[in-house]
Every structure is written in structure tokens, then in C-alpha cells.
Amino acid sequence: MNKTVNATANAPLPMASSQQPYSKLRLAYSLATIAALALLALYGDRFALRFATEVLLIGTAVMSLNLLIGQGGLVSLGHGALFGTAAYSAAIVAQHWGASLPVVLSAGMATGAILGVLTALISLRTSGLFFLTLSLVFGQLFWELVFRWRDVTGGADGLRSFPKLTWLGLQLSEPLALYLLSTGVAGLSWLALHSFNKAPIGQALIGTRDQPIRMAALGYQLSRIRIAAFLVAGTATGAAGALYPFINQSLSPEIVHWSMSATLIIMGVIGGISTLSGGFIGAAVYLFIQTYLSSYTDRWQLIIGLIFVLTILLMPKGIAYAFRPGRRP
């Protein structure tokens, strides 16, 4: 009898009880997010809707990059090229074959998926600093293509005044329509990336990050895992990039430049590189400072730098983790 009592006393507490506060808080965050999106759709002005659309689309690109960095340890300086090239592909398709929503989204997603797989092939033979450097060179190749191929991409002038987005005879060029579309793309992308994270292949991706040799010895094919991760991330990034040109009806080569990739990484670190929701938080913080505070000071990038440093020092896991119950510094 005493042995039974001792065994019961020494048994670990159920995991459900320790996870209950976090589950409630996560539900509260989700409901608050849905309410905020609905209020913005009902009462937001044109400028606020365009700003929110940009946050959702760029946040989706950051979220997909968080999957690669947070889960796979694959820091890429070519992810901006995926987003920008998908945007150019969608804009060029709209100019020549019409701006039908399914066609535009298909072009962007296909471009992002193909470039994602190509980036994955680069990562198979390299890691760490070498992969970072090769991804930078890979991304700059596409910037050079966009910048030099003036007849198709417009060169340094970019693309302007392409057809407005349509679907089933409906005009989707209004800020509210674009906002609702971007909300749908962001939500579906989150579901896809979240499902990938929770699936066995997502857990295997963590293993390839922490113990690649052991994972290979256990029979896991690292190449397939990384290709699948880049494929999912690239497709989500391509979907967001496909809608991006229609916010302001313009594109410039800067969106394909390596600095865009660096900006996505900064957003991810500020929001939380190891969580999907951190992508949207980091994008909102960065774009708010860039859009609103830049009208008061030319040194808004200094503010971004200070926030970046303070995040690393005080909240190394990002803003998304700052308010979780039971968190550790």
C-alpha cells in the first residue's frame, strides 16, 4: 500500500494542466485577432486597409521564413527573391493574360514553389555560413535578371499600371477586397504551415536542424525533408507575393534585392523567429515604423535597429513569446 501511495505521489503532473493557461491565452489571442480583423474591415479607411493588406502579405512571407529558420535552422538571404519574383511573375501574367485571381495566384505560387525547391537543392550540400552566402548569391541572380531585362520587367523603372485584379466578373481592386483576399491567403498559409509543423515531417525537420548525422543514421532522408519544407514555404510566399503588386499597382526591383531578405529576417527576429504568428507581429512593428514614424523623422531605421537590439537582449524569442504564461527568460 505504501509503495502505491509513494508511486502516486512521485508521478509527474498531467501535461494538460500545465498547458491549460497557455491554451486559454492562445484562444483569447485568436479571438482578439479575429475581432480586430473584422473591425478593420468594417470601419477602416482606405489607407488603413492598404496598410493592413501589406502587413498580412509581407507577414505571410516572414511566417514562411520562420518555418525554415525556426524549425530547420536554414537562414536564407534569398527568401526576398522568392517573394519579389513571385510578385513580378503575377504582374507580368496579368499584363499578358489578364488579371484573373486564379491565374495570378497560380503564377505566384508556382514561381515560389519552384524557387523554393531550387533553394533547397542549394542547402543539401551546404549549411551555416556557406548556405547563407549561396542563398544570397542565388537571390541576387534574380535581382540582376529583373533589373537588366527591361523589355519584360521594366528594369530600374519597374512595372506600373497593369490590369486590376478580377474574379468571376467582380472587380477586386478596391482596398477592402484586397484586404479580404490577403486575410484569406494569410489564414490558409498559416493553416498549411501549422499543419506542416505538427506533422511528423515537421518534427523531423527539427531533428535535421539539431542532429543531422543521427537523423541520417536513423534512416531519414534529409534531402526530402528540406525540399518539402522549402516547397511549402515557397508556395506560401509565392501566394502572398502574387497579390502584392495589386496593392499600389506598381513594382520596383528593390523587392527582389537581398536587402528585402534581410528585412524579412529582422521582422522575424522582432516578432519571434520560432513561431508562425511572430511573422505578422514583426511585420506590423516594422511597417508601422516605416510608414508612420518615417513622416516625423528621417532616422526611422535607427528606431528599428534599437528595437532589434532590445528584442535580442530582453526578449530573445521575440515579442510573440513575451506574454506567454510560464515563459522563461
Foldseek 3Di string as FASTA:
>chain_A
DVVVVVVVVPDDDDPCVVCVVLVVVVVVVVVVVVVVLVVCLVDNDQVSLLLLLVLLLQLLLLLLQLLCCQQQVQQALQSLLLLQVLLLQLQLCCQPPNQEPVVLLVSLLVSLLVVLLVLLVLVVVDDDPVSRVVRQVVLVVSLCVLQPVCVRQVHQQGFADGDAHDYPRDGQLGSSSSSVVSVVLSVVLVVLSVVCCPDPLSNVSNCCRPPVPVSVVVPDDPSVSSSVSSNSSSSSSSSSSSSVCSSRRTDGSVSSHSVVSVLSVLLCQQQFSNDSVSSSVSSSVVSCLVPPVCVVDVVSVVVSVVSSVCCCVPPRRHPNPPPRPPDDD
